[in-house]
C-alpha atoms as a PDB file:
ATOM      1  CA  MET A   1     104.083  97.556 101.853  1.00  0.00           C
ATOM      2  CA  TRP A   2     101.619  96.938  99.545  1.00  0.00           C
ATOM      3  CA  GLY A   3     100.116  93.636 100.246  1.00  0.00           C
ATOM      4  CA  ASN A   4      97.767  95.280 102.811  1.00  0.00           C
ATOM      5  CA  LEU A   5      96.091  97.435  99.843  1.00  0.00           C
ATOM      6  CA  ALA A   6      96.148  94.626  97.830  1.00  0.00           C
ATOM      7  CA  ASP A   7      94.549  91.913 101.048  1.00  0.00           C
ATOM      8  CA  VAL A   8      91.774  95.248 101.291  1.00  0.00           C
ATOM      9  CA  LEU A   9      90.914  96.184  98.084  1.00  0.00           C
ATOM     10  CA  SER A  10      90.523  92.272  97.029  1.00  0.00           C
ATOM     11  CA  ARG A  11      87.644  91.957  99.202  1.00  0.00           C
ATOM     12  CA  PHE A  12      86.347  94.788  97.113  1.00  0.00           C
ATOM     13  CA  LEU A  13      86.571  93.570  94.382  1.00  0.00           C
ATOM     14  CA  PRO A  14      86.868  89.414  94.726  1.00  0.00           C
ATOM     15  CA  GLU A  15      87.110  88.946  90.724  1.00  0.00           C
ATOM     16  CA  LEU A  16      90.594  90.922  90.423  1.00  0.00           C
ATOM     17  CA  ARG A  17      92.107  88.609  93.692  1.00  0.00           C
ATOM     18  CA  ASN A  18      94.293  87.088  91.269  1.00  0.00           C
ATOM     19  CA  VAL A  19      95.374  90.650  89.483  1.00  0.00           C
ATOM     20  CA  LEU A  20      96.203  91.834  92.826  1.00  0.00           C
ATOM     21  CA  PHE A  21      97.818  89.579  93.914  1.00  0.00           C
ATOM     22  CA  LEU A  22      99.993  88.510  91.300  1.00  0.00           C
ATOM     23  CA  SER A  23     103.549  90.986  91.884  1.00  0.00           C
ATOM     24  CA  PHE A  24     103.307  88.542  95.104  1.00  0.00           C
ATOM     25  CA  ALA A  25     103.672  85.517  92.924  1.00  0.00           C
ATOM     26  CA  LEU A  26     107.718  84.868  92.378  1.00  0.00           C
ATOM     27  CA  HIS A  27     107.730  84.544  96.189  1.00  0.00           C
ATOM     28  CA  ASP A  28     108.972  80.899  95.776  1.00  0.00           C
ATOM     29  CA  PRO A  29     112.705  80.830  95.021  1.00  0.00           C
ATOM     30  CA  SER A  30     112.923  77.445  94.049  1.00  0.00           C
ATOM     31  CA  ARG A  31     109.985  78.782  91.127  1.00  0.00           C
ATOM     32  CA  LEU A  32     111.991  81.246  90.394  1.00  0.00           C
ATOM     33  CA  GLU A  33     115.322  79.376  90.209  1.00  0.00           C
ATOM     34  CA  ALA A  34     113.073  77.243  87.963  1.00  0.00           C
ATOM     35  CA  MET A  35     112.053  79.819  85.742  1.00  0.00           C
ATOM     36  CA  LEU A  36     116.118  81.461  85.227  1.00  0.00           C
ATOM     37  CA  VAL A  37     117.203  78.172  84.282  1.00  0.00           C
ATOM     38  CA  GLY A  38     113.925  77.520  81.806  1.00  0.00           C
ATOM     39  CA  ALA A  39     114.946  80.585  80.203  1.00  0.00           C
ATOM     40  CA  GLY A  40     118.517  78.945  79.631  1.00  0.00           C
ATOM     41  CA  LEU A  41     120.672  80.721  82.002  1.00  0.00           C
ATOM     42  CA  ARG A  42     123.133  78.912  83.991  1.00  0.00           C
ATOM     43  CA  ASP A  43     124.993  79.103  87.554  1.00  0.00           C
ATOM     44  CA  VAL A  44     121.635  80.651  88.737  1.00  0.00           C
ATOM     45  CA  HIS A  45     121.474  82.198  92.215  1.00  0.00           C
ATOM     46  CA  VAL A  46     118.592  83.642  94.041  1.00  0.00           C
ATOM     47  CA  GLU A  47     119.006  85.122  97.404  1.00  0.00           C
ATOM     48  CA  ARG A  48     115.978  86.331  99.862  1.00  0.00           C
ATOM     49  CA  THR A  49     116.740  89.844 100.953  1.00  0.00           C
ATOM     50  CA  THR A  50     114.721  92.615 103.288  1.00  0.00           C
ATOM     51  CA  ARG A  51     115.290  96.386 102.230  1.00  0.00           C
ATOM     52  CA  GLU A  52     113.674  98.719 104.527  1.00  0.00           C
ATOM     53  CA  ASP A  53     112.118 102.051 103.090  1.00  0.00           C
ATOM     54  CA  GLY A  54     109.958 104.674 103.982  1.00  0.00           C
ATOM     55  CA  PHE A  55     107.154 107.825 104.203  1.00  0.00           C
ATOM     56  CA  GLU A  56     107.318 111.050 105.234  1.00  0.00           C
ATOM     57  CA  SER A  57     103.393 110.362 105.800  1.00  0.00           C
ATOM     58  CA  PHE A  58     100.779 108.317 104.981  1.00  0.00           C
ATOM     59  CA  ALA A  59      99.627 110.928 102.394  1.00  0.00           C
ATOM     60  CA  ASP A  60     102.457 110.321 101.507  1.00  0.00           C
ATOM     61  CA  TYR A  61     102.769 106.555 101.148  1.00  0.00           C
ATOM     62  CA  TRP A  62      98.891 106.987  99.687  1.00  0.00           C
ATOM     63  CA  GLU A  63      99.554 109.435  96.972  1.00  0.00           C
ATOM     64  CA  PRO A  64     100.918 107.283  94.390  1.00  0.00           C
ATOM     65  CA  ILE A  65      97.724 105.031  94.847  1.00  0.00           C
ATOM     66  CA  GLU A  66      95.234 108.052  94.156  1.00  0.00           C
ATOM     67  CA  ALA A  67      96.925 108.652  91.439  1.00  0.00           C
ATOM     68  CA  GLY A  68      96.677 105.490  89.583  1.00  0.00           C
ATOM     69  CA  VAL A  69     100.219 104.584  88.899  1.00  0.00           C
ATOM     70  CA  GLY A  70     100.249 100.532  88.376  1.00  0.00           C
ATOM     71  CA  SER A  71      97.736  97.653  88.981  1.00  0.00           C
ATOM     72  CA  ILE A  72      96.885  97.791  92.483  1.00  0.00           C
ATOM     73  CA  PRO A  73      95.941 101.193  92.413  1.00  0.00           C
ATOM     74  CA  GLN A  74      94.182 101.223  89.035  1.00  0.00           C
ATOM     75  CA  ALA A  75      91.553  98.497  90.576  1.00  0.00           C
ATOM     76  CA  PHE A  76      91.609 100.789  93.582  1.00  0.00           C
ATOM     77  CA  LEU A  77      90.112 103.742  91.048  1.00  0.00           C
ATOM     78  CA  ARG A  78      87.545 101.623  90.145  1.00  0.00           C
ATOM     79  CA  LEU A  79      85.864 101.370  92.955  1.00  0.00           C
ATOM     80  CA  ALA A  80      82.914 103.799  93.700  1.00  0.00           C
ATOM     81  CA  ALA A  81      83.763 107.018  96.590  1.00  0.00           C
ATOM     82  CA  ALA A  82      82.569 105.748  99.634  1.00  0.00           C
ATOM     83  CA  ASP A  83      84.570 102.135  99.060  1.00  0.00           C
ATOM     84  CA  ARG A  84      87.634 104.274  98.338  1.00  0.00           C
ATOM     85  CA  HIS A  85      87.186 105.869 101.360  1.00  0.00           C
ATOM     86  CA  ALA A  86      86.418 102.266 103.403  1.00  0.00           C
ATOM     87  CA  VAL A  87      90.068 101.230 101.628  1.00  0.00           C
ATOM     88  CA  ARG A  88      91.959 103.961 102.734  1.00  0.00           C
ATOM     89  CA  GLU A  89      90.413 103.895 106.091  1.00  0.00           C
ATOM     90  CA  GLU A  90      91.073 100.477 106.380  1.00  0.00           C
ATOM     91  CA  VAL A  91      94.955 100.452 104.778  1.00  0.00           C
ATOM     92  CA  ARG A  92      95.752 103.435 107.393  1.00  0.00           C
ATOM     93  CA  SER A  93      95.058 101.436 110.241  1.00  0.00           C
ATOM     94  CA  ARG A  94      96.389  98.460 109.384  1.00  0.00           C
ATOM     95  CA  LEU A  95      99.469 100.770 108.690  1.00  0.00           C
ATOM     96  CA  SER A  96      99.387 102.957 112.011  1.00  0.00           C
ATOM     97  CA  ARG A  97     101.667  99.503 113.512  1.00  0.00           C
ATOM     98  CA  PHE A  98     104.227 100.553 110.777  1.00  0.00           C
ATOM     99  CA  GLU A  99     103.832 104.473 112.144  1.00  0.00           C
ATOM    100  CA  LEU A 100     106.372 106.446 113.993  1.00  0.00           C
ATOM    101  CA  ASN A 101     106.335 110.162 114.595  1.00  0.00           C
ATOM    102  CA  GLY A 102     104.262 110.616 111.996  1.00  0.00           C
ATOM    103  CA  LYS A 103     106.135 108.546 109.579  1.00  0.00           C
ATOM    104  CA  LEU A 104     105.910 105.400 107.961  1.00  0.00           C
ATOM    105  CA  ARG A 105     109.006 102.565 107.872  1.00  0.00           C
ATOM    106  CA  MET A 106     108.508  98.965 106.502  1.00  0.00           C
ATOM    107  CA  SER A 107     110.422  96.612 105.039  1.00  0.00           C
ATOM    108  CA  VAL A 108     110.192  94.865 101.697  1.00  0.00           C
ATOM    109  CA  GLU A 109     111.029  91.349 100.972  1.00  0.00           C
ATOM    110  CA  MET A 110     112.077  90.436  97.835  1.00  0.00           C
ATOM    111  CA  LEU A 111     113.777  87.560  95.583  1.00  0.00           C
ATOM    112  CA  ILE A 112     116.775  88.522  94.094  1.00  0.00           C
ATOM    113  CA  GLY A 113     118.101  86.196  91.153  1.00  0.00           C
ATOM    114  CA  SER A 114     120.804  86.195  89.029  1.00  0.00           C
ATOM    115  CA  GLY A 115     122.382  84.053  86.210  1.00  0.00           C
ATOM    116  CA  ARG A 116     124.671  83.611  83.331  1.00  0.00           C
ATOM    117  CA  ALA A 117     123.601  83.326  79.695  1.00  0.00           C
END
């Protein structure tokens, strides 16, 4: 859902690439499990799940980005107006494959970790 935006922004702000992709850093179930065990949890279980989400329009998707909600949108707002426009249009183009009748339908893959203290 946000990977396309992070990818496009990283070309405009290469010095922020690590920050832009930080929210995707725990994509490895073994790493997350090791972190939970290292934090003192026992009976640790990690599962990968996919959730569907959607937006009424691209404008609804883009609204929190323009509002600067989160680190990726904050990076976006650092750009000059012309670059912000270019980023928006490229992201819109990439997301068009998820559009049906003007609505965006996407899936979000995540890891859910649990354990007992």
